[in-house]
Amino acid sequence: MRIVNPSLRKVMQRSQAGEMCIEVQPATYGGIAKKTILFGAVTILAAILSVVLLNVAFAKQDAQLLTVVLTGALLCAIPMIVVSLVIAFRPDTVKVLGFVYSLLQGALLGVLVFFVDSYYPGIALAAVLGTLIVFVVCASFNKMLEVRVSGKFVRIMLIAFASFIALELVLMLLSLFVPNLQALFTVYLWVQLLINICCIFYATVLLLWDLQTAEDIVNGGADKKYEWIVAYSLVTTLVYLYIQILELLLRLLILFGRRN
């Protein structure tokens, strides 16, 4: 789950208050872009490695290799949570732990992409295209139209998003004891589609917030070290957005597939 990064929020608040000073070199758009590409490259390479290993395991029908890859990828979830919490409250660790997190999320992402694309070939690439479109639109809105996202609005979105997740978890637990509620997750796909769309909107707001933070730390004369946390946040937001778009496309294919 992608939530608002506490450390990034602090950076944003300090930047807007003019409390940042240059210790070594000032932050630049180029520096943020390079670090974003680094984190993104680690994520993509880890995902490709997972996909390649899974393809080899299935091609050779190697149950042992398949078990090792799947177990290793699924076990990435626990250290991912730990690493993200450490980065959130100790942003100075992002130079190292950011790469660790990118590696772990890439491994998990590769497993997800492999299985989804096996059932619906091309859907993973379509989700990439969708993510790029959202990114370009957000960047255009931020730069040309100067669309600004307030901290209050982000907090409201976070509360609404957390409420959606809590409601879904409660309904899932209740469905174990109330059979009629299971239809919400198996028959009424439009309910899941609605939640999916809300998650995509939330991810879009986060992306606008990240882009706005990048602009503010550069214009505010923040130190170059803050480029790392902004780049890390951008990559995690884009991955979260990608997963939500992938899930939306998957549900639409299932929905229309049933009709056909």
C-alpha atoms as a PDB file:
ATOM      1  CA  MET A   1       0.000   0.000   0.000  1.00  0.00           C
ATOM      2  CA  ARG A   2       1.290   3.456  -0.869  1.00  0.00           C
ATOM      3  CA  ILE A   3       0.644   6.128   1.767  1.00  0.00           C
ATOM      4  CA  VAL A   4       1.926   9.671   2.088  1.00  0.00           C
ATOM      5  CA  ASN A   5       5.588   9.549   3.058  1.00  0.00           C
ATOM      6  CA  PRO A   6       6.020  11.382   6.418  1.00  0.00           C
ATOM      7  CA  SER A   7       9.583  12.414   5.581  1.00  0.00           C
ATOM      8  CA  LEU A   8       8.505  13.850   2.234  1.00  0.00           C
ATOM      9  CA  ARG A   9       5.740  15.775   3.952  1.00  0.00           C
ATOM     10  CA  LYS A  10       8.317  17.293   6.302  1.00  0.00           C
ATOM     11  CA  VAL A  11      10.495  18.245   3.337  1.00  0.00           C
ATOM     12  CA  MET A  12       7.503  19.929   1.711  1.00  0.00           C
ATOM     13  CA  GLN A  13       6.621  21.865   4.866  1.00  0.00           C
ATOM     14  CA  ARG A  14      10.201  23.036   5.438  1.00  0.00           C
ATOM     15  CA  SER A  15      10.535  24.058   1.793  1.00  0.00           C
ATOM     16  CA  GLN A  16       7.336  26.108   1.860  1.00  0.00           C
ATOM     17  CA  ALA A  17       8.416  27.764   5.117  1.00  0.00           C
ATOM     18  CA  GLY A  18      11.808  28.678   3.633  1.00  0.00           C
ATOM     19  CA  GLU A  19      13.672  26.800   6.377  1.00  0.00           C
ATOM     20  CA  MET A  20      16.010  24.858   4.075  1.00  0.00           C
ATOM     21  CA  CYS A  21      19.607  25.823   3.503  1.00  0.00           C
ATOM     22  CA  ILE A  22      22.255  24.593   1.111  1.00  0.00           C
ATOM     23  CA  GLU A  23      24.899  22.503   2.883  1.00  0.00           C
ATOM     24  CA  VAL A  24      26.845  21.190  -0.121  1.00  0.00           C
ATOM     25  CA  GLN A  25      25.091  21.809  -3.442  1.00  0.00           C
ATOM     26  CA  PRO A  26      21.543  22.879  -4.303  1.00  0.00           C
ATOM     27  CA  ALA A  27      18.965  20.373  -5.505  1.00  0.00           C
ATOM     28  CA  THR A  28      18.283  20.374  -9.254  1.00  0.00           C
ATOM     29  CA  TYR A  29      15.694  18.845 -11.552  1.00  0.00           C
ATOM     30  CA  GLY A  30      18.484  16.934 -13.275  1.00  0.00           C
ATOM     31  CA  GLY A  31      19.642  15.450  -9.983  1.00  0.00           C
ATOM     32  CA  ILE A  32      16.118  14.347  -9.084  1.00  0.00           C
ATOM     33  CA  ALA A  33      15.638  12.855 -12.561  1.00  0.00           C
ATOM     34  CA  LYS A  34      18.915  10.896 -12.387  1.00  0.00           C
ATOM     35  CA  LYS A  35      18.109   9.455  -8.968  1.00  0.00           C
ATOM     36  CA  THR A  36      14.568   8.614 -10.062  1.00  0.00           C
ATOM     37  CA  ILE A  37      15.984   6.753 -13.063  1.00  0.00           C
ATOM     38  CA  LEU A  38      18.392   4.873 -10.768  1.00  0.00           C
ATOM     39  CA  PHE A  39      15.634   3.688  -8.432  1.00  0.00           C
ATOM     40  CA  GLY A  40      13.394   2.930 -11.398  1.00  0.00           C
ATOM     41  CA  ALA A  41      16.134   0.956 -13.161  1.00  0.00           C
ATOM     42  CA  VAL A  42      16.726  -1.220 -10.085  1.00  0.00           C
ATOM     43  CA  THR A  43      12.983  -1.884  -9.832  1.00  0.00           C
ATOM     44  CA  ILE A  44      12.673  -2.766 -13.526  1.00  0.00           C
ATOM     45  CA  LEU A  45      15.769  -4.996 -13.549  1.00  0.00           C
ATOM     46  CA  ALA A  46      14.544  -6.877 -10.469  1.00  0.00           C
ATOM     47  CA  ALA A  47      11.138  -7.335 -12.112  1.00  0.00           C
ATOM     48  CA  ILE A  48      12.737  -8.591 -15.342  1.00  0.00           C
ATOM     49  CA  LEU A  49      14.882 -11.050 -13.366  1.00  0.00           C
ATOM     50  CA  SER A  50      11.781 -12.420 -11.612  1.00  0.00           C
ATOM     51  CA  VAL A  51       9.958 -12.827 -14.930  1.00  0.00           C
ATOM     52  CA  VAL A  52      12.962 -14.542 -16.560  1.00  0.00           C
ATOM     53  CA  LEU A  53      13.396 -16.981 -13.660  1.00  0.00           C
ATOM     54  CA  LEU A  54       9.688 -17.813 -13.660  1.00  0.00           C
ATOM     55  CA  ASN A  55       9.749 -18.371 -17.426  1.00  0.00           C
ATOM     56  CA  VAL A  56      12.731 -20.717 -17.047  1.00  0.00           C
ATOM     57  CA  ALA A  57      11.040 -22.587 -14.193  1.00  0.00           C
ATOM     58  CA  PHE A  58       7.845 -23.108 -16.194  1.00  0.00           C
ATOM     59  CA  ALA A  59       9.679 -23.975 -19.414  1.00  0.00           C
ATOM     60  CA  LYS A  60      11.819 -26.614 -17.699  1.00  0.00           C
ATOM     61  CA  GLN A  61       8.980 -27.628 -15.367  1.00  0.00           C
ATOM     62  CA  ASP A  62      11.425 -27.162 -12.522  1.00  0.00           C
ATOM     63  CA  ALA A  63       9.235 -27.254  -9.418  1.00  0.00           C
ATOM     64  CA  GLN A  64      12.158 -26.554  -7.107  1.00  0.00           C
ATOM     65  CA  LEU A  65      13.230 -23.392  -8.945  1.00  0.00           C
ATOM     66  CA  LEU A  66       9.617 -22.230  -9.152  1.00  0.00           C
ATOM     67  CA  THR A  67       9.161 -22.725  -5.413  1.00  0.00           C
ATOM     68  CA  VAL A  68      12.367 -20.851  -4.613  1.00  0.00           C
ATOM     69  CA  VAL A  69      11.487 -17.887  -6.862  1.00  0.00           C
ATOM     70  CA  LEU A  70       7.893 -17.584  -5.652  1.00  0.00           C
ATOM     71  CA  THR A  71       8.820 -18.001  -1.997  1.00  0.00           C
ATOM     72  CA  GLY A  72      11.655 -15.492  -2.282  1.00  0.00           C
ATOM     73  CA  ALA A  73       9.461 -12.942  -4.040  1.00  0.00           C
ATOM     74  CA  LEU A  74       6.574 -13.301  -1.597  1.00  0.00           C
ATOM     75  CA  LEU A  75       8.909 -13.022   1.379  1.00  0.00           C
ATOM     76  CA  CYS A  76       9.987  -9.626   0.014  1.00  0.00           C
ATOM     77  CA  ALA A  77       6.754  -8.131   1.362  1.00  0.00           C
ATOM     78  CA  ILE A  78       7.844  -8.217   5.011  1.00  0.00           C
ATOM     79  CA  PRO A  79      11.247  -6.512   4.608  1.00  0.00           C
ATOM     80  CA  MET A  80       9.604  -4.028   2.220  1.00  0.00           C
ATOM     81  CA  ILE A  81       7.333  -2.825   5.014  1.00  0.00           C
ATOM     82  CA  VAL A  82      10.242  -2.597   7.449  1.00  0.00           C
ATOM     83  CA  VAL A  83      12.480  -0.747   4.975  1.00  0.00           C
ATOM     84  CA  SER A  84       9.724   1.704   4.018  1.00  0.00           C
ATOM     85  CA  LEU A  85       9.084   2.531   7.687  1.00  0.00           C
ATOM     86  CA  VAL A  86      12.792   3.099   8.333  1.00  0.00           C
ATOM     87  CA  ILE A  87      13.028   5.413   5.315  1.00  0.00           C
ATOM     88  CA  ALA A  88       9.865   7.263   6.345  1.00  0.00           C
ATOM     89  CA  PHE A  89      11.246   8.188   9.755  1.00  0.00           C
ATOM     90  CA  ARG A  90      14.956   8.239   8.865  1.00  0.00           C
ATOM     91  CA  PRO A  91      15.080   9.806   5.380  1.00  0.00           C
ATOM     92  CA  ASP A  92      18.874  10.027   5.517  1.00  0.00           C
ATOM     93  CA  THR A  93      18.946   6.224   5.018  1.00  0.00           C
ATOM     94  CA  VAL A  94      17.253   6.447   1.618  1.00  0.00           C
ATOM     95  CA  LYS A  95      20.582   6.563  -0.252  1.00  0.00           C
ATOM     96  CA  VAL A  96      21.092   2.898   0.659  1.00  0.00           C
ATOM     97  CA  LEU A  97      17.699   1.563   1.705  1.00  0.00           C
ATOM     98  CA  GLY A  98      16.029   3.152  -1.322  1.00  0.00           C
ATOM     99  CA  PHE A  99      17.863   0.692  -3.553  1.00  0.00           C
ATOM    100  CA  VAL A 100      16.986  -2.192  -1.225  1.00  0.00           C
ATOM    101  CA  TYR A 101      13.315  -1.213  -1.368  1.00  0.00           C
ATOM    102  CA  SER A 102      13.436  -0.851  -5.159  1.00  0.00           C
ATOM    103  CA  LEU A 103      14.977  -4.314  -5.466  1.00  0.00           C
ATOM    104  CA  LEU A 104      12.311  -5.894  -3.247  1.00  0.00           C
ATOM    105  CA  GLN A 105       9.372  -4.158  -4.923  1.00  0.00           C
ATOM    106  CA  GLY A 106      10.771  -5.071  -8.339  1.00  0.00           C
ATOM    107  CA  ALA A 107      10.932  -8.761  -7.408  1.00  0.00           C
ATOM    108  CA  LEU A 108       7.305  -8.710  -6.261  1.00  0.00           C
ATOM    109  CA  LEU A 109       6.221  -6.705  -9.280  1.00  0.00           C
ATOM    110  CA  GLY A 110       7.849  -9.217 -11.622  1.00  0.00           C
ATOM    111  CA  VAL A 111       5.855 -12.101 -10.136  1.00  0.00           C
ATOM    112  CA  LEU A 112       2.621 -10.126 -10.444  1.00  0.00           C
ATOM    113  CA  VAL A 113       3.329  -9.145 -14.059  1.00  0.00           C
ATOM    114  CA  PHE A 114       4.301 -12.713 -15.017  1.00  0.00           C
ATOM    115  CA  PHE A 115       1.054 -14.313 -13.864  1.00  0.00           C
ATOM    116  CA  VAL A 116      -1.249 -11.533 -15.047  1.00  0.00           C
ATOM    117  CA  ASP A 117       0.404 -11.372 -18.470  1.00  0.00           C
ATOM    118  CA  SER A 118       0.241 -15.166 -18.768  1.00  0.00           C
ATOM    119  CA  TYR A 119      -3.554 -15.041 -18.685  1.00  0.00           C
ATOM    120  CA  TYR A 120      -3.950 -11.801 -20.621  1.00  0.00           C
ATOM    121  CA  PRO A 121      -0.902 -11.220 -22.874  1.00  0.00           C
ATOM    122  CA  GLY A 122      -0.135  -7.555 -23.399  1.00  0.00           C
ATOM    123  CA  ILE A 123      -1.994  -6.292 -20.344  1.00  0.00           C
ATOM    124  CA  ALA A 124       1.242  -5.478 -18.483  1.00  0.00           C
ATOM    125  CA  LEU A 125       2.449  -3.310 -21.377  1.00  0.00           C
ATOM    126  CA  ALA A 126      -0.944  -1.603 -21.580  1.00  0.00           C
ATOM    127  CA  ALA A 127      -0.649  -0.732 -17.882  1.00  0.00           C
ATOM    128  CA  VAL A 128       2.810   0.754 -18.538  1.00  0.00           C
ATOM    129  CA  LEU A 129       1.307   2.940 -21.262  1.00  0.00           C
ATOM    130  CA  GLY A 130      -1.501   3.995 -18.936  1.00  0.00           C
ATOM    131  CA  THR A 131       0.984   4.910 -16.207  1.00  0.00           C
ATOM    132  CA  LEU A 132       3.062   6.972 -18.648  1.00  0.00           C
ATOM    133  CA  ILE A 133      -0.035   8.839 -19.812  1.00  0.00           C
ATOM    134  CA  VAL A 134      -1.019   9.699 -16.235  1.00  0.00           C
ATOM    135  CA  PHE A 135       2.546  10.820 -15.483  1.00  0.00           C
ATOM    136  CA  VAL A 136       2.712  13.081 -18.555  1.00  0.00           C
ATOM    137  CA  VAL A 137      -0.690  14.593 -17.758  1.00  0.00           C
ATOM    138  CA  CYS A 138       0.292  15.222 -14.122  1.00  0.00           C
ATOM    139  CA  ALA A 139       3.639  16.737 -15.141  1.00  0.00           C
ATOM    140  CA  SER A 140       1.863  18.990 -17.658  1.00  0.00           C
ATOM    141  CA  PHE A 141      -0.725  20.100 -15.096  1.00  0.00           C
ATOM    142  CA  ASN A 142       2.010  20.812 -12.567  1.00  0.00           C
ATOM    143  CA  LYS A 143       4.284  22.730 -14.954  1.00  0.00           C
ATOM    144  CA  MET A 144       2.043  24.473 -17.467  1.00  0.00           C
ATOM    145  CA  LEU A 145      -1.248  24.870 -15.614  1.00  0.00           C
ATOM    146  CA  GLU A 146       0.469  25.227 -12.219  1.00  0.00           C
ATOM    147  CA  VAL A 147      -2.019  22.912 -10.513  1.00  0.00           C
ATOM    148  CA  ARG A 148      -1.148  22.849  -6.801  1.00  0.00           C
ATOM    149  CA  VAL A 149      -2.127  20.251  -4.212  1.00  0.00           C
ATOM    150  CA  SER A 150      -2.464  21.494  -0.644  1.00  0.00           C
ATOM    151  CA  GLY A 151      -1.332  19.477   2.338  1.00  0.00           C
ATOM    152  CA  LYS A 152      -4.867  19.637   3.731  1.00  0.00           C
ATOM    153  CA  PHE A 153      -6.286  18.089   0.561  1.00  0.00           C
ATOM    154  CA  VAL A 154      -3.685  15.297   0.673  1.00  0.00           C
ATOM    155  CA  ARG A 155      -4.613  14.567   4.299  1.00  0.00           C
ATOM    156  CA  ILE A 156      -8.294  14.412   3.359  1.00  0.00           C
ATOM    157  CA  MET A 157      -7.455  12.035   0.520  1.00  0.00           C
ATOM    158  CA  LEU A 158      -5.361   9.905   2.868  1.00  0.00           C
ATOM    159  CA  ILE A 159      -8.218   9.649   5.371  1.00  0.00           C
ATOM    160  CA  ALA A 160     -10.690   8.770   2.612  1.00  0.00           C
ATOM    161  CA  PHE A 161      -8.306   6.197   1.143  1.00  0.00           C
ATOM    162  CA  ALA A 162      -7.625   4.623   4.547  1.00  0.00           C
ATOM    163  CA  SER A 163     -11.386   4.469   5.150  1.00  0.00           C
ATOM    164  CA  PHE A 164     -11.901   2.667   1.827  1.00  0.00           C
ATOM    165  CA  ILE A 165      -9.199   0.130   2.682  1.00  0.00           C
ATOM    166  CA  ALA A 166     -10.555  -0.382   6.208  1.00  0.00           C
ATOM    167  CA  LEU A 167     -14.078  -0.874   4.844  1.00  0.00           C
ATOM    168  CA  GLU A 168     -12.863  -3.406   2.298  1.00  0.00           C
ATOM    169  CA  LEU A 169     -10.921  -5.344   4.933  1.00  0.00           C
ATOM    170  CA  VAL A 170     -13.928  -5.401   7.276  1.00  0.00           C
ATOM    171  CA  LEU A 171     -16.208  -6.607   4.475  1.00  0.00           C
ATOM    172  CA  MET A 172     -13.701  -9.311   3.533  1.00  0.00           C
ATOM    173  CA  LEU A 173     -13.577 -10.543   7.135  1.00  0.00           C
ATOM    174  CA  LEU A 174     -17.358 -10.428   7.486  1.00  0.00           C
ATOM    175  CA  SER A 175     -17.770 -12.343   4.215  1.00  0.00           C
ATOM    176  CA  LEU A 176     -16.077 -15.317   5.897  1.00  0.00           C
ATOM    177  CA  PHE A 177     -19.053 -15.544   8.266  1.00  0.00           C
ATOM    178  CA  VAL A 178     -21.805 -13.978   6.135  1.00  0.00           C
ATOM    179  CA  PRO A 179     -21.956 -15.848   2.777  1.00  0.00           C
ATOM    180  CA  ASN A 180     -24.125 -13.164   1.155  1.00  0.00           C
ATOM    181  CA  LEU A 181     -21.286 -10.645   1.426  1.00  0.00           C
ATOM    182  CA  GLN A 182     -19.015 -12.829  -0.697  1.00  0.00           C
ATOM    183  CA  ALA A 183     -20.936 -11.635  -3.748  1.00  0.00           C
ATOM    184  CA  LEU A 184     -19.309  -8.220  -3.304  1.00  0.00           C
ATOM    185  CA  PHE A 185     -15.954  -9.780  -4.216  1.00  0.00           C
ATOM    186  CA  THR A 186     -17.047 -12.480  -6.668  1.00  0.00           C
ATOM    187  CA  VAL A 187     -20.199 -11.282  -8.468  1.00  0.00           C
ATOM    188  CA  TYR A 188     -20.465  -7.502  -8.145  1.00  0.00           C
ATOM    189  CA  LEU A 189     -17.208  -6.564  -9.824  1.00  0.00           C
ATOM    190  CA  TRP A 190     -18.384  -2.981 -10.159  1.00  0.00           C
ATOM    191  CA  VAL A 191     -17.796  -2.567  -6.411  1.00  0.00           C
ATOM    192  CA  GLN A 192     -14.159  -3.542  -6.884  1.00  0.00           C
ATOM    193  CA  LEU A 193     -13.962  -1.333  -9.973  1.00  0.00           C
ATOM    194  CA  LEU A 194     -15.156   1.642  -7.929  1.00  0.00           C
ATOM    195  CA  ILE A 195     -12.514   1.008  -5.270  1.00  0.00           C
ATOM    196  CA  ASN A 196      -9.907   0.601  -8.015  1.00  0.00           C
ATOM    197  CA  ILE A 197     -10.805   3.926  -9.607  1.00  0.00           C
ATOM    198  CA  CYS A 198     -10.613   5.642  -6.213  1.00  0.00           C
ATOM    199  CA  CYS A 199      -7.137   4.154  -5.675  1.00  0.00           C
ATOM    200  CA  ILE A 200      -6.002   5.432  -9.079  1.00  0.00           C
ATOM    201  CA  PHE A 201      -7.314   8.902  -8.265  1.00  0.00           C
ATOM    202  CA  TYR A 202      -5.489   8.781  -4.931  1.00  0.00           C
ATOM    203  CA  ALA A 203      -2.258   7.707  -6.669  1.00  0.00           C
ATOM    204  CA  THR A 204      -2.663  10.577  -9.140  1.00  0.00           C
ATOM    205  CA  VAL A 205      -2.975  13.067  -6.280  1.00  0.00           C
ATOM    206  CA  LEU A 206       0.174  11.601  -4.706  1.00  0.00           C
ATOM    207  CA  LEU A 207       2.002  11.951  -8.012  1.00  0.00           C
ATOM    208  CA  LEU A 208       1.000  15.607  -8.262  1.00  0.00           C
ATOM    209  CA  TRP A 209       2.184  16.063  -4.679  1.00  0.00           C
ATOM    210  CA  ASP A 210       5.552  14.446  -5.460  1.00  0.00           C
ATOM    211  CA  LEU A 211       6.056  16.612  -8.553  1.00  0.00           C
ATOM    212  CA  GLN A 212       5.090  19.695  -6.576  1.00  0.00           C
ATOM    213  CA  THR A 213       7.573  18.763  -3.842  1.00  0.00           C
ATOM    214  CA  ALA A 214      10.331  18.332  -6.432  1.00  0.00           C
ATOM    215  CA  GLU A 215       9.601  21.793  -7.814  1.00  0.00           C
ATOM    216  CA  ASP A 216       9.477  23.379  -4.363  1.00  0.00           C
ATOM    217  CA  ILE A 217      12.775  21.962  -3.097  1.00  0.00           C
ATOM    218  CA  VAL A 218      14.539  23.126  -6.269  1.00  0.00           C
ATOM    219  CA  ASN A 219      12.996  26.598  -6.208  1.00  0.00           C
ATOM    220  CA  GLY A 220      13.385  26.792  -2.433  1.00  0.00           C
ATOM    221  CA  GLY A 221      17.125  26.175  -2.570  1.00  0.00           C
ATOM    222  CA  ALA A 222      17.053  22.865  -0.698  1.00  0.00           C
ATOM    223  CA  ASP A 223      20.223  20.833  -0.315  1.00  0.00           C
ATOM    224  CA  LYS A 224      21.064  18.166  -2.908  1.00  0.00           C
ATOM    225  CA  LYS A 225      20.576  15.369  -0.359  1.00  0.00           C
ATOM    226  CA  TYR A 226      16.800  15.880  -0.550  1.00  0.00           C
ATOM    227  CA  GLU A 227      16.834  14.716  -4.166  1.00  0.00           C
ATOM    228  CA  TRP A 228      17.068  11.120  -2.914  1.00  0.00           C
ATOM    229  CA  ILE A 229      13.867  11.122  -0.887  1.00  0.00           C
ATOM    230  CA  VAL A 230      11.899  12.883  -3.641  1.00  0.00           C
ATOM    231  CA  ALA A 231      13.172  10.413  -6.264  1.00  0.00           C
ATOM    232  CA  TYR A 232      12.319   7.471  -4.005  1.00  0.00           C
ATOM    233  CA  SER A 233       8.810   8.806  -3.446  1.00  0.00           C
ATOM    234  CA  LEU A 234       8.279   9.371  -7.175  1.00  0.00           C
ATOM    235  CA  VAL A 235       9.255   5.789  -8.033  1.00  0.00           C
ATOM    236  CA  THR A 236       7.121   4.203  -5.309  1.00  0.00           C
ATOM    237  CA  THR A 237       4.153   6.329  -6.374  1.00  0.00           C
ATOM    238  CA  LEU A 238       4.580   5.342 -10.031  1.00  0.00           C
ATOM    239  CA  VAL A 239       4.826   1.643  -9.108  1.00  0.00           C
ATOM    240  CA  TYR A 240       1.704   1.920  -6.969  1.00  0.00           C
ATOM    241  CA  LEU A 241      -0.109   3.713  -9.807  1.00  0.00           C
ATOM    242  CA  TYR A 242       1.026   1.023 -12.254  1.00  0.00           C
ATOM    243  CA  ILE A 243      -0.311  -1.769 -10.036  1.00  0.00           C
ATOM    244  CA  GLN A 244      -3.672  -0.039  -9.675  1.00  0.00           C
ATOM    245  CA  ILE A 245      -3.990   0.537 -13.434  1.00  0.00           C
ATOM    246  CA  LEU A 246      -2.985  -3.089 -14.054  1.00  0.00           C
ATOM    247  CA  GLU A 247      -5.643  -4.251 -11.602  1.00  0.00           C
ATOM    248  CA  LEU A 248      -8.272  -2.031 -13.237  1.00  0.00           C
ATOM    249  CA  LEU A 249      -7.480  -3.389 -16.715  1.00  0.00           C
ATOM    250  CA  LEU A 250      -7.584  -6.939 -15.353  1.00  0.00           C
ATOM    251  CA  ARG A 251     -11.008  -6.431 -13.797  1.00  0.00           C
ATOM    252  CA  LEU A 252     -12.336  -4.849 -17.007  1.00  0.00           C
ATOM    253  CA  LEU A 253     -11.089  -7.812 -19.043  1.00  0.00           C
ATOM    254  CA  ILE A 254     -12.697 -10.257 -16.627  1.00  0.00           C
ATOM    255  CA  LEU A 255     -15.938  -8.291 -16.646  1.00  0.00           C
ATOM    256  CA  PHE A 256     -16.239  -8.015 -20.429  1.00  0.00           C
ATOM    257  CA  GLY A 257     -14.919 -11.545 -20.877  1.00  0.00           C
ATOM    258  CA  ARG A 258     -17.813 -12.871 -18.869  1.00  0.00           C
ATOM    259  CA  ARG A 259     -20.283 -10.925 -20.960  1.00  0.00           C
ATOM    260  CA  ASN A 260     -18.815 -12.352 -24.146  1.00  0.00           C
END
